[in-house]
Amino acid sequence: MTTPRLLSGRRPSGRPRRMSTAASALTCLAALAACSGPPKDPGAGSEFHLVASTPEARGDIDSFTWALYAEPPTLDYTAAFDYPQNTILSNVCESLMRWTPGLTTEPGLARKASNPAPRTWVYDLRAGVRFHNGETMTADDVVYSLGRQMDPRNAAAWAQVFQNVASVRKTGPLQVTVELKRPDSQFPQYMATAAGVVASRVGVEAAGKDYGTSGGLACTGPFELGAWNKGQSIELDRFDGYRGRKAKAKKAVFRFLTDPSARTNAMLSGEVDGGYLIPTESYGHLRDSGVGSLFFGEGLTTVNVNVTNMRGPLGDVRVRRALSLAMDRPGFVGAGLGGAGTSSSSITPRAVWDGASEQTRKDALGALPPVEPDIEKAKALIKEAGATGRTLTVATSPIGQDVSLLATAVQAAGTRIGLNMRLRTIAPNAFTALFTSPEAREGIDLFPYTSYYNINDPLDLLANFRTGAYLNFAGYSDKGYDHLVDEATALYPRTPRMRIEARLQKRAADEVLWIPVAEWPTSVFLNKRITGAPTTISYMYYPWAADVGAAR
């Protein structure tokens, strides 16, 4: 199943150091690589290491203020597919299932999910759950909420999650049955994301076209939407009618600070208490400031070079392999990710294989190419392919160091092995179009692409290379690969499914469908007033703000 992550295909984490010419860019990256040394992997004696969580809060707090890099265009759950929206929405709206800080799935608004037949999922709902508008949740609200995701008039960001859904029916006052066109192992996992959000039908219909942009959201979470000061901030107020443990803070205030330096300075001054997605160039400053703590957690995030055009030189797998072999991954991790990352030649994050058997993990990860560059081997492949002097165009943008410095690294790699590498600079507000518009990608062969997982399953990414998949920008097509995707999608048991996914991983690696570069953790800064926020990417769908409270 194709699951688009296009609106978050990059992590806009900071402003890059601008470079005026290709020559100076290459020199700069080479110098950075020489200074950075080996990648600062967890457990390697570096200052970067992953932690499971921040310390638990010691008590309640009146309010806290959180930095966001952008204002959400809407908080309608059907459009919640990027960091700003979900960072807020996860605390206001709940889904049928819930993603935990440990990146596992547990019951949410559904007390139980059962699979009595391969194409049938039954959700038994919790009784007495109150919406923020005072209504009580029923099966009708669930049918309506999932129906909004499927209605083509809504152009829902999550529509592809429902592509195998035949019907959603009320089969009891507190029971909903989903019938699938074919078995789909990904669908039930996605019910823990914004795809599975339940809102009050009465509330949504009363808001009409203004739903998500003004007034309440008529959801069930531990916070309800308060004041929205356009262009400045959004306030969430604690919902005292919440079904579970009440939030520790009476109010959470989200401030929109689009400039990375302004965000960092606000954290240093105490203007805001914390934030996720810390600008990479601010890691050291915040860590050493003494005003708070910088934490890193599992992000299920990979930094890649997306191959968008296989009609030219990149149609030869030897050219793709050569570029991968020439990449200075450790240099990029040091320069582009502030040392907080792990060099990787795996297209999937290693954490998604944690539930696999030792043999399956070995099959998926054991035969990957080395992360260190091999320039001579790469040059030989270029010569063998007859590609010496051929031109490749790489998109870049001043949207963040993960984009600009990775584009420079690709340029440096290709130049070293005899390719003619050109950079095309794209304005930050136009960069997102690369994920949605074939016209925007015209004339571009490669571009930096940071991909995060919405569910803890390798297929979440590997399905993107199926023929015709939305994110299969280069148009890769292989019937054998497609068959394996279909086979894995249809298997609910995790163990046999992951064996097939390991075969898909190997094929994707052998064919170099993307060029993997690094794994990137979630970053979060907390000043000394607050604690309790999870460190993992679970904050996208877990009500993390409810855990934030007094640090002392």
Protein backbone atom coordinates (compact mmCIF):
# COMPACT_ATOMS: atom_id res chain seq x y z
CA MET A 1 0.00 0.00 0.00
CA THR A 2 1.35 3.39 -0.95
CA THR A 3 1.41 5.77 1.98
CA PRO A 4 2.35 9.32 0.97
CA ARG A 5 4.60 11.39 3.18
CA LEU A 6 4.98 14.11 0.62
CA LEU A 7 4.19 17.09 2.85
CA SER A 8 6.95 16.03 5.19
CA GLY A 9 9.40 14.73 2.68
CA ARG A 10 11.95 17.06 4.21
CA ARG A 11 12.51 18.31 7.67
CA PRO A 12 12.78 22.11 7.53
CA SER A 13 15.24 22.27 10.36
CA GLY A 14 17.28 25.33 9.78
CA ARG A 15 18.92 27.78 7.45
CA PRO A 16 21.96 26.46 5.57
CA ARG A 17 25.26 28.14 4.98
CA ARG A 18 24.83 29.48 1.44
CA MET A 19 27.55 28.66 -1.08
CA SER A 20 28.08 30.79 -4.15
CA THR A 21 29.74 28.41 -6.59
CA ALA A 22 30.04 24.72 -7.21
CA ALA A 23 33.78 24.84 -6.57
CA SER A 24 33.41 26.50 -3.17
CA ALA A 25 30.64 24.07 -2.27
CA LEU A 26 32.86 21.09 -2.97
CA THR A 27 35.75 22.57 -1.02
CA CYS A 28 33.49 23.38 1.93
CA LEU A 29 32.00 19.91 2.10
CA ALA A 30 35.38 18.25 1.78
CA ALA A 31 36.71 20.32 4.64
CA LEU A 32 33.69 19.55 6.79
CA ALA A 33 34.05 15.87 6.08
CA ALA A 34 37.70 15.91 7.06
CA CYS A 35 36.93 17.63 10.34
CA SER A 36 33.90 15.60 11.28
CA GLY A 37 35.55 12.20 11.55
CA PRO A 38 33.39 9.09 11.82
CA PRO A 39 29.63 9.33 12.29
CA LYS A 40 28.57 10.03 15.84
CA ASP A 41 26.58 6.89 16.35
CA PRO A 42 24.84 5.96 19.59
CA GLY A 43 27.14 4.20 21.98
CA ALA A 44 30.28 5.28 20.16
CA GLY A 45 31.46 7.56 22.93
CA SER A 46 29.98 10.67 21.30
CA GLU A 47 27.69 13.26 22.84
CA PHE A 48 24.81 11.97 20.71
CA HIS A 49 22.79 9.09 22.09
CA LEU A 50 19.16 8.05 22.02
CA VAL A 51 17.02 8.03 25.15
CA ALA A 52 13.63 6.39 25.57
CA SER A 53 12.01 9.41 27.22
CA THR A 54 12.58 12.61 29.15
CA PRO A 55 12.27 12.45 32.97
CA GLU A 56 8.70 12.06 34.22
CA ALA A 57 6.96 15.24 35.36
CA ARG A 58 6.85 15.77 39.11
CA GLY A 59 3.62 17.70 39.18
CA ASP A 60 1.04 19.84 37.40
CA ILE A 61 1.77 23.20 35.80
CA ASP A 62 -0.40 26.13 34.80
CA SER A 63 0.89 26.34 31.25
CA PHE A 64 3.85 25.82 28.95
CA THR A 65 4.83 27.34 25.61
CA TRP A 66 6.07 25.30 22.64
CA ALA A 67 7.85 26.41 19.47
CA LEU A 68 6.58 25.40 16.01
CA TYR A 69 8.43 26.17 12.79
CA ALA A 70 5.19 26.96 10.91
CA GLU A 71 1.54 27.73 11.43
CA PRO A 72 -0.78 24.87 10.41
CA PRO A 73 -2.96 25.80 7.43
CA THR A 74 -5.76 23.77 9.02
CA LEU A 75 -6.34 21.38 11.89
CA ASP A 76 -8.87 19.29 10.00
CA TYR A 77 -7.71 15.73 10.72
CA THR A 78 -8.20 14.70 7.08
CA ALA A 79 -5.44 17.15 6.11
CA ALA A 80 -3.14 16.51 9.09
CA PHE A 81 -0.11 15.16 7.27
CA ASP A 82 2.78 17.37 8.32
CA TYR A 83 4.69 18.14 11.50
CA PRO A 84 2.96 21.39 12.58
CA GLN A 85 -0.58 19.99 12.23
CA ASN A 86 0.07 16.68 13.94
CA THR A 87 2.22 18.12 16.73
CA ILE A 88 -0.92 19.99 17.84
CA LEU A 89 -3.69 17.68 16.66
CA SER A 90 -2.30 14.61 18.47
CA ASN A 91 -3.27 16.29 21.74
CA VAL A 92 -6.78 17.27 20.67
CA CYS A 93 -8.05 14.39 18.55
CA GLU A 94 -7.82 10.67 19.24
CA SER A 95 -7.85 7.69 16.89
CA LEU A 96 -9.36 4.23 17.05
CA MET A 97 -5.94 2.88 18.03
CA ARG A 98 -3.00 4.66 19.66
CA TRP A 99 0.72 4.84 18.94
CA THR A 100 2.69 4.75 22.19
CA PRO A 101 5.98 6.52 23.04
CA GLY A 102 7.61 3.10 22.61
CA LEU A 103 6.28 3.02 19.01
CA THR A 104 3.90 0.15 19.67
CA THR A 105 0.14 0.15 19.06
CA GLU A 106 -2.50 -0.13 21.77
CA PRO A 107 -6.29 0.40 21.97
CA GLY A 108 -7.44 3.99 21.62
CA LEU A 109 -11.08 4.98 21.18
CA ALA A 110 -11.64 1.36 20.25
CA ARG A 111 -11.29 -0.84 23.33
CA LYS A 112 -10.73 -3.82 21.03
CA ALA A 113 -9.91 -4.48 17.39
CA SER A 114 -10.56 -7.95 15.99
CA ASN A 115 -10.01 -9.61 12.63
CA PRO A 116 -12.60 -12.42 12.34
CA ALA A 117 -11.94 -12.84 8.61
CA PRO A 118 -9.02 -11.76 6.38
CA ARG A 119 -11.04 -8.93 4.85
CA THR A 120 -12.92 -7.88 7.99
CA TRP A 121 -11.91 -5.62 10.91
CA VAL A 122 -14.28 -5.06 13.79
CA TYR A 123 -13.76 -2.13 16.19
CA ASP A 124 -15.59 -2.30 19.53
CA LEU A 125 -15.73 1.21 20.95
CA ARG A 126 -15.32 2.52 24.47
CA ALA A 127 -18.55 3.55 26.16
CA GLY A 128 -19.21 7.01 27.57
CA VAL A 129 -16.47 8.87 25.66
CA ARG A 130 -17.27 12.58 25.51
CA PHE A 131 -16.47 14.95 22.67
CA HIS A 132 -15.35 18.50 23.45
CA ASN A 133 -18.74 19.79 22.22
CA GLY A 134 -20.55 17.73 24.90
CA GLU A 135 -21.78 14.94 22.61
CA THR A 136 -21.13 11.28 23.48
CA MET A 137 -19.27 9.14 20.94
CA THR A 138 -21.26 6.53 19.05
CA ALA A 139 -20.58 4.18 16.14
CA ASP A 140 -22.24 6.75 13.86
CA ASP A 141 -19.45 9.22 14.61
CA VAL A 142 -16.81 6.64 13.66
CA VAL A 143 -18.52 5.78 10.38
CA TYR A 144 -18.83 9.48 9.58
CA SER A 145 -15.23 10.31 10.50
CA LEU A 146 -13.70 7.50 8.43
CA GLY A 147 -16.11 8.35 5.65
CA ARG A 148 -14.68 11.88 5.45
CA GLN A 149 -11.26 10.35 4.75
CA MET A 150 -12.74 8.32 1.88
CA ASP A 151 -14.86 11.09 0.33
CA PRO A 152 -13.03 12.31 -2.80
CA ARG A 153 -14.57 15.76 -2.35
CA ASN A 154 -12.40 16.22 0.75
CA ALA A 155 -9.14 15.34 -1.05
CA ALA A 156 -7.96 13.79 2.22
CA ALA A 157 -4.22 13.40 2.70
CA TRP A 158 -4.91 9.93 4.10
CA ALA A 159 -7.14 8.72 1.24
CA GLN A 160 -4.66 6.06 0.09
CA VAL A 161 -4.87 4.33 3.47
CA PHE A 162 -8.48 3.54 2.54
CA GLN A 163 -7.86 2.38 -1.03
CA ASN A 164 -8.62 -1.24 -0.08
CA VAL A 165 -11.72 -0.38 1.99
CA ALA A 166 -15.01 -1.62 0.53
CA SER A 167 -17.30 -0.37 3.31
CA VAL A 168 -17.44 1.07 6.84
CA ARG A 169 -20.65 0.09 8.66
CA LYS A 170 -22.24 0.48 12.06
CA THR A 171 -22.84 -3.05 13.34
CA GLY A 172 -23.89 -2.10 16.86
CA PRO A 173 -24.34 1.02 19.02
CA LEU A 174 -20.64 0.83 19.89
CA GLN A 175 -19.32 -1.32 17.06
CA VAL A 176 -18.01 -0.52 13.59
CA THR A 177 -17.08 -3.09 10.95
CA VAL A 178 -14.68 -2.34 8.11
CA GLU A 179 -14.86 -4.63 5.09
CA LEU A 180 -11.79 -4.67 2.84
CA LYS A 181 -11.57 -5.45 -0.86
CA ARG A 182 -8.54 -7.62 -0.08
CA PRO A 183 -6.51 -8.39 3.05
CA ASP A 184 -4.46 -5.35 4.04
CA SER A 185 -1.90 -5.59 6.86
CA GLN A 186 -1.21 -1.86 6.75
CA PHE A 187 -4.76 -0.59 7.24
CA PRO A 188 -5.19 -1.63 10.91
CA GLN A 189 -1.80 -0.14 11.76
CA TYR A 190 -2.82 3.19 10.25
CA MET A 191 -5.81 3.39 12.56
CA ALA A 192 -3.32 4.65 15.17
CA THR A 193 -2.50 7.70 13.02
CA ALA A 194 -4.61 10.71 12.02
CA ALA A 195 -6.22 8.39 9.47
CA GLY A 196 -8.14 6.81 12.36
CA VAL A 197 -9.28 10.03 14.10
CA VAL A 198 -12.87 10.18 15.33
CA ALA A 199 -14.70 13.50 15.61
CA SER A 200 -18.32 14.35 16.45
CA ARG A 201 -20.50 14.34 13.37
CA VAL A 202 -22.68 17.02 14.95
CA GLY A 203 -19.65 19.20 15.64
CA VAL A 204 -18.04 18.81 12.22
CA GLU A 205 -21.27 19.47 10.34
CA ALA A 206 -22.06 22.48 12.52
CA ALA A 207 -18.66 24.01 11.64
CA GLY A 208 -19.18 23.38 7.94
CA LYS A 209 -16.45 24.78 5.68
CA ASP A 210 -14.79 26.43 8.69
CA TYR A 211 -14.00 23.10 10.33
CA GLY A 212 -10.31 22.97 11.19
CA THR A 213 -9.66 26.69 10.79
CA SER A 214 -11.89 28.29 13.42
CA GLY A 215 -13.93 27.15 16.40
CA GLY A 216 -13.52 23.75 18.05
CA LEU A 217 -12.53 20.43 16.54
CA ALA A 218 -15.20 18.36 18.35
CA CYS A 219 -12.72 15.63 19.25
CA THR A 220 -12.06 13.63 22.43
CA GLY A 221 -8.43 14.29 23.42
CA PRO A 222 -6.98 15.57 26.73
CA PHE A 223 -6.88 19.13 25.32
CA GLU A 224 -9.43 21.10 23.35
CA LEU A 225 -8.73 23.86 20.89
CA GLY A 226 -8.68 27.29 22.50
CA ALA A 227 -7.69 30.65 21.04
CA TRP A 228 -6.10 30.71 17.57
CA ASN A 229 -4.27 33.98 17.07
CA LYS A 230 -3.60 33.85 13.33
CA GLY A 231 0.04 34.25 12.46
CA GLN A 232 1.11 34.08 16.10
CA SER A 233 -0.06 31.18 18.23
CA ILE A 234 -2.56 28.44 19.03
CA GLU A 235 -3.69 27.69 22.57
CA LEU A 236 -4.95 24.36 23.85
CA ASP A 237 -7.01 24.18 27.03
CA ARG A 238 -7.16 21.12 29.26
CA PHE A 239 -10.37 19.13 28.71
CA ASP A 240 -11.64 18.22 32.15
CA GLY A 241 -14.13 15.74 30.67
CA TYR A 242 -11.38 13.58 29.26
CA ARG A 243 -11.89 9.82 29.57
CA GLY A 244 -8.36 9.10 30.82
CA ARG A 245 -5.65 10.67 32.95
CA LYS A 246 -6.01 14.44 32.80
CA ALA A 247 -3.28 16.59 31.31
CA LYS A 248 -0.70 17.94 33.75
CA ALA A 249 -0.82 21.43 32.20
CA LYS A 250 -3.96 23.57 32.22
CA LYS A 251 -2.88 25.19 28.97
CA ALA A 252 -0.39 24.56 26.15
CA VAL A 253 0.57 27.48 23.92
CA PHE A 254 2.14 26.86 20.48
CA ARG A 255 4.06 29.78 19.03
CA PHE A 256 4.87 30.01 15.33
CA LEU A 257 8.52 30.91 14.86
CA THR A 258 9.48 30.37 11.25
CA ASP A 259 13.05 31.62 11.52
CA PRO A 260 15.41 28.95 12.97
CA SER A 261 17.48 31.53 14.82
CA ALA A 262 14.37 33.06 16.34
CA ARG A 263 13.24 29.62 17.53
CA THR A 264 16.61 28.92 19.10
CA ASN A 265 16.79 32.34 20.76
CA ALA A 266 13.28 31.92 22.15
CA MET A 267 14.34 28.68 23.80
CA LEU A 268 17.51 30.22 25.19
CA SER A 269 15.66 33.25 26.60
CA GLY A 270 12.77 31.29 28.10
CA GLU A 271 10.25 32.89 25.75
CA VAL A 272 9.26 29.31 24.91
CA ASP A 273 9.79 26.28 27.11
CA GLY A 274 10.66 23.74 24.45
CA GLY A 275 10.14 22.32 21.01
CA TYR A 276 10.65 19.42 18.62
CA LEU A 277 12.58 19.57 15.32
CA ILE A 278 15.48 21.57 16.68
CA PRO A 279 17.56 23.31 13.95
CA THR A 280 20.63 21.15 13.42
CA GLU A 281 22.98 24.14 13.63
CA SER A 282 21.60 24.88 17.13
CA TYR A 283 22.28 21.47 18.68
CA GLY A 284 25.56 22.46 20.29
CA HIS A 285 24.39 25.88 21.43
CA LEU A 286 21.27 24.53 23.15
CA ARG A 287 23.05 21.51 24.61
CA ASP A 288 25.76 23.67 26.18
CA SER A 289 23.55 26.61 27.17
CA GLY A 290 22.77 25.51 30.73
CA VAL A 291 19.14 26.65 30.39
CA GLY A 292 17.74 23.22 29.58
CA SER A 293 18.42 19.82 28.04
CA LEU A 294 18.55 18.55 24.46
CA PHE A 295 17.29 15.00 23.97
CA PHE A 296 17.32 12.60 21.02
CA GLY A 297 14.95 9.69 20.47
CA GLU A 298 14.05 7.15 17.80
CA GLY A 299 12.76 9.05 14.78
CA LEU A 300 12.08 6.22 12.31
CA THR A 301 13.51 8.73 9.86
CA THR A 302 15.93 8.27 6.99
CA VAL A 303 17.74 10.89 4.94
CA ASN A 304 17.98 9.86 1.30
CA VAL A 305 18.69 11.06 -2.21
CA ASN A 306 15.53 10.49 -4.22
CA VAL A 307 16.09 9.21 -7.74
CA THR A 308 13.45 10.97 -9.83
CA ASN A 309 14.53 10.22 -13.38
CA MET A 310 15.58 6.85 -14.78
CA ARG A 311 15.27 7.90 -18.41
CA GLY A 312 18.79 9.32 -18.55
CA PRO A 313 22.12 8.18 -17.06
CA LEU A 314 20.40 6.99 -13.87
CA GLY A 315 18.51 4.42 -15.91
CA ASP A 316 21.70 2.37 -15.66
CA VAL A 317 21.90 0.79 -12.22
CA ARG A 318 25.70 1.00 -12.40
CA VAL A 319 25.49 4.80 -12.33
CA ARG A 320 23.15 4.69 -9.32
CA ARG A 321 25.49 2.27 -7.54
CA ALA A 322 28.48 4.44 -8.35
CA LEU A 323 26.86 7.55 -6.87
CA SER A 324 25.95 5.61 -3.74
CA LEU A 325 29.52 4.31 -3.42
CA ALA A 326 30.92 7.82 -3.81
CA MET A 327 28.73 9.45 -1.12
CA ASP A 328 30.58 10.76 1.93
CA ARG A 329 27.95 9.77 4.47
CA PRO A 330 30.03 10.42 7.60
CA GLY A 331 30.90 13.89 6.29
CA PHE A 332 27.25 14.71 5.70
CA VAL A 333 26.18 13.46 9.13
CA GLY A 334 28.79 15.71 10.74
CA ALA A 335 28.02 18.78 8.63
CA GLY A 336 24.37 18.46 7.65
CA LEU A 337 22.93 16.78 10.75
CA GLY A 338 25.12 18.43 13.36
CA GLY A 339 26.69 15.07 14.22
CA ALA A 340 23.34 13.76 15.48
CA GLY A 341 22.69 10.94 13.08
CA THR A 342 23.93 7.57 11.91
CA SER A 343 25.51 6.95 8.52
CA SER A 344 23.42 4.33 6.76
CA SER A 345 23.16 2.48 3.48
CA SER A 346 19.75 1.08 4.46
CA ILE A 347 16.69 2.58 2.83
CA THR A 348 14.69 1.65 5.94
CA PRO A 349 15.53 2.60 9.54
CA ARG A 350 16.99 -0.29 11.50
CA ALA A 351 14.44 0.10 14.29
CA VAL A 352 11.58 -1.09 12.06
CA TRP A 353 13.28 -4.51 11.95
CA ASP A 354 13.39 -4.92 15.74
CA GLY A 355 10.48 -7.36 15.72
CA ALA A 356 12.05 -9.60 13.10
CA SER A 357 13.89 -12.87 13.68
CA GLU A 358 17.68 -12.83 13.70
CA GLN A 359 17.75 -14.43 10.24
CA THR A 360 15.28 -11.91 8.81
CA ARG A 361 17.30 -9.01 10.22
CA LYS A 362 20.41 -10.52 8.67
CA ASP A 363 18.64 -10.88 5.32
CA ALA A 364 17.44 -7.27 5.46
CA LEU A 365 20.50 -5.54 6.85
CA GLY A 366 23.45 -7.92 6.63
CA ALA A 367 24.48 -7.49 3.00
CA LEU A 368 24.10 -3.74 2.55
CA PRO A 369 26.83 -1.70 0.84
CA PRO A 370 29.43 -0.09 3.11
CA VAL A 371 28.77 3.42 4.42
CA GLU A 372 32.33 4.57 3.72
CA PRO A 373 32.99 5.86 0.19
CA ASP A 374 34.84 3.74 -2.36
CA ILE A 375 35.81 6.22 -5.05
CA GLU A 376 37.90 3.88 -7.19
CA LYS A 377 35.16 1.29 -7.44
CA ALA A 378 32.65 4.02 -8.21
CA LYS A 379 34.85 5.45 -10.99
CA ALA A 380 35.18 1.98 -12.50
CA LEU A 381 31.39 1.59 -12.59
CA ILE A 382 30.95 4.97 -14.30
CA LYS A 383 33.56 4.05 -16.90
CA GLU A 384 31.97 0.62 -17.43
CA ALA A 385 28.57 2.27 -17.95
CA GLY A 386 30.02 4.75 -20.44
CA ALA A 387 28.68 7.59 -18.31
CA THR A 388 31.84 9.68 -17.88
CA GLY A 389 30.98 13.34 -18.45
CA ARG A 390 27.22 12.74 -18.47
CA THR A 391 25.12 15.43 -16.80
CA LEU A 392 22.90 15.00 -13.74
CA THR A 393 20.81 17.77 -12.17
CA VAL A 394 20.31 17.85 -8.40
CA ALA A 395 17.62 20.01 -6.78
CA THR A 396 18.65 22.04 -3.76
CA SER A 397 16.97 24.66 -1.57
CA PRO A 398 17.79 26.96 1.36
CA ILE A 399 15.07 25.18 3.31
CA GLY A 400 17.43 23.43 5.74
CA GLN A 401 20.91 21.98 6.08
CA ASP A 402 19.58 18.48 5.53
CA VAL A 403 18.60 19.63 2.03
CA SER A 404 21.30 22.11 0.99
CA LEU A 405 24.32 20.23 2.32
CA LEU A 406 23.04 16.87 1.09
CA ALA A 407 22.64 18.31 -2.41
CA THR A 408 26.21 19.59 -2.14
CA ALA A 409 27.38 16.15 -1.01
CA VAL A 410 25.73 14.54 -4.04
CA GLN A 411 27.36 17.10 -6.30
CA ALA A 412 30.74 16.41 -4.73
CA ALA A 413 30.32 12.64 -5.05
CA GLY A 414 29.33 12.77 -8.70
CA THR A 415 32.07 15.21 -9.63
CA ARG A 416 34.75 13.02 -8.03
CA ILE A 417 33.78 10.04 -10.18
CA GLY A 418 33.57 11.85 -13.50
CA LEU A 419 29.96 13.00 -13.78
CA ASN A 420 28.92 16.54 -14.68
CA MET A 421 26.80 17.57 -11.69
CA ARG A 422 24.56 20.62 -11.75
CA LEU A 423 22.63 22.13 -8.85
CA ARG A 424 19.22 23.72 -9.40
CA THR A 425 18.12 25.95 -6.53
CA ILE A 426 14.42 25.91 -5.70
CA ALA A 427 12.74 28.41 -3.38
CA PRO A 428 11.63 26.97 -0.02
CA ASN A 429 7.94 27.60 -0.70
CA ALA A 430 8.23 25.73 -4.01
CA PHE A 431 10.25 22.78 -2.73
CA THR A 432 7.15 20.89 -1.58
CA ALA A 433 5.94 20.82 -5.19
CA LEU A 434 8.67 18.27 -5.94
CA PHE A 435 6.57 15.75 -4.01
CA THR A 436 3.29 16.53 -5.73
CA SER A 437 3.97 17.75 -9.26
CA PRO A 438 5.64 15.89 -12.14
CA GLU A 439 6.06 19.29 -13.82
CA ALA A 440 8.08 20.58 -10.85
CA ARG A 441 10.40 17.57 -11.17
CA GLU A 442 10.94 18.05 -14.90
CA GLY A 443 14.65 18.25 -15.66
CA ILE A 444 15.64 17.07 -12.18
CA ASP A 445 17.39 13.74 -11.69
CA LEU A 446 17.89 13.71 -7.92
CA PHE A 447 16.78 15.61 -4.85
CA PRO A 448 17.27 15.33 -1.05
CA TYR A 449 14.40 13.50 0.60
CA THR A 450 13.90 12.95 4.31
CA SER A 451 11.31 10.29 4.98
CA TYR A 452 9.65 9.40 8.27
CA TYR A 453 7.51 6.39 9.09
CA ASN A 454 3.87 6.74 10.12
CA ILE A 455 3.75 3.13 11.32
CA ASN A 456 6.44 0.79 12.59
CA ASP A 457 6.51 -1.49 9.55
CA PRO A 458 9.16 -1.70 6.78
CA LEU A 459 6.44 -1.90 4.14
CA ASP A 460 5.41 1.67 4.93
CA LEU A 461 8.32 2.79 2.75
CA LEU A 462 9.09 -0.25 0.64
CA ALA A 463 5.62 -0.21 -0.94
CA ASN A 464 6.50 3.14 -2.50
CA PHE A 465 8.46 1.40 -5.27
CA ARG A 466 5.50 -0.59 -6.52
CA THR A 467 4.56 0.16 -10.13
CA GLY A 468 2.43 3.30 -10.21
CA ALA A 469 2.92 4.12 -6.52
CA TYR A 470 2.45 7.80 -5.74
CA LEU A 471 6.00 8.33 -4.46
CA ASN A 472 7.58 6.20 -7.19
CA PHE A 473 8.75 9.36 -8.95
CA ALA A 474 11.22 7.63 -11.28
CA GLY A 475 8.60 5.20 -12.58
CA TYR A 476 10.44 2.07 -11.48
CA SER A 477 8.51 -1.05 -12.47
CA ASP A 478 9.23 -4.68 -11.74
CA LYS A 479 6.53 -7.37 -11.68
CA GLY A 480 8.47 -9.45 -9.20
CA TYR A 481 8.75 -6.52 -6.80
CA ASP A 482 5.05 -5.72 -7.21
CA HIS A 483 4.14 -9.33 -6.42
CA LEU A 484 6.18 -9.26 -3.21
CA VAL A 485 4.50 -6.00 -2.12
CA ASP A 486 1.07 -7.52 -2.70
CA GLU A 487 2.08 -10.70 -0.87
CA ALA A 488 3.41 -8.79 2.14
CA THR A 489 0.40 -6.47 2.25
CA ALA A 490 -1.95 -9.45 2.42
CA LEU A 491 -0.13 -11.07 5.38
CA TYR A 492 -1.25 -10.08 8.86
CA PRO A 493 1.20 -12.23 10.89
CA ARG A 494 4.30 -10.11 11.40
CA THR A 495 6.95 -12.81 11.21
CA PRO A 496 6.21 -14.17 7.72
CA ARG A 497 5.42 -10.66 6.46
CA MET A 498 8.83 -9.39 7.55
CA ARG A 499 10.56 -12.23 5.74
CA ILE A 500 9.00 -10.94 2.52
CA GLU A 501 9.81 -7.36 3.46
CA ALA A 502 13.46 -8.36 3.86
CA ARG A 503 13.43 -9.57 0.25
CA LEU A 504 11.94 -6.24 -0.82
CA GLN A 505 14.63 -4.41 1.12
CA LYS A 506 17.34 -6.39 -0.66
CA ARG A 507 15.84 -5.68 -4.07
CA ALA A 508 15.52 -1.97 -3.34
CA ALA A 509 19.14 -1.90 -2.14
CA ASP A 510 20.45 -3.88 -5.13
CA GLU A 511 18.60 -1.63 -7.56
CA VAL A 512 19.52 1.57 -5.61
CA LEU A 513 15.98 2.90 -6.02
CA TRP A 514 16.92 5.70 -3.63
CA ILE A 515 20.38 6.46 -2.29
CA PRO A 516 20.17 6.10 1.51
CA VAL A 517 22.51 8.38 3.45
CA ALA A 518 21.68 8.48 7.16
CA GLU A 519 19.22 7.85 9.95
CA TRP A 520 18.07 10.95 11.81
CA PRO A 521 16.69 10.94 15.36
CA THR A 522 13.89 13.02 16.77
CA SER A 523 15.21 16.03 18.68
CA VAL A 524 13.49 17.81 21.55
CA PHE A 525 14.61 20.64 23.83
CA LEU A 526 13.11 21.27 27.28
CA ASN A 527 14.08 24.10 29.59
CA LYS A 528 14.36 23.58 33.33
CA ARG A 529 10.68 24.39 34.01
CA ILE A 530 9.18 21.38 32.26
CA THR A 531 9.71 17.70 31.53
CA GLY A 532 7.78 14.60 30.49
CA ALA A 533 7.65 14.93 26.69
CA PRO A 534 8.38 11.72 24.76
CA THR A 535 11.57 11.72 22.71
CA THR A 536 10.35 9.49 19.87
CA ILE A 537 8.41 10.39 16.75
CA SER A 538 5.32 9.07 18.56
CA TYR A 539 4.47 12.72 19.30
CA MET A 540 2.93 12.90 15.83
CA TYR A 541 -0.02 10.74 16.95
CA TYR A 542 0.32 10.36 20.74
CA PRO A 543 -1.07 13.04 23.16
CA TRP A 544 2.41 13.99 24.33
CA ALA A 545 1.50 17.42 25.74
CA ALA A 546 -0.64 15.75 28.40
CA ASP A 547 2.56 14.25 29.88
CA VAL A 548 4.36 17.60 30.11
CA GLY A 549 4.44 19.03 33.59
CA ALA A 550 6.63 20.60 36.25
CA ALA A 551 10.26 19.48 36.30
CA ARG A 552 10.62 20.19 40.02
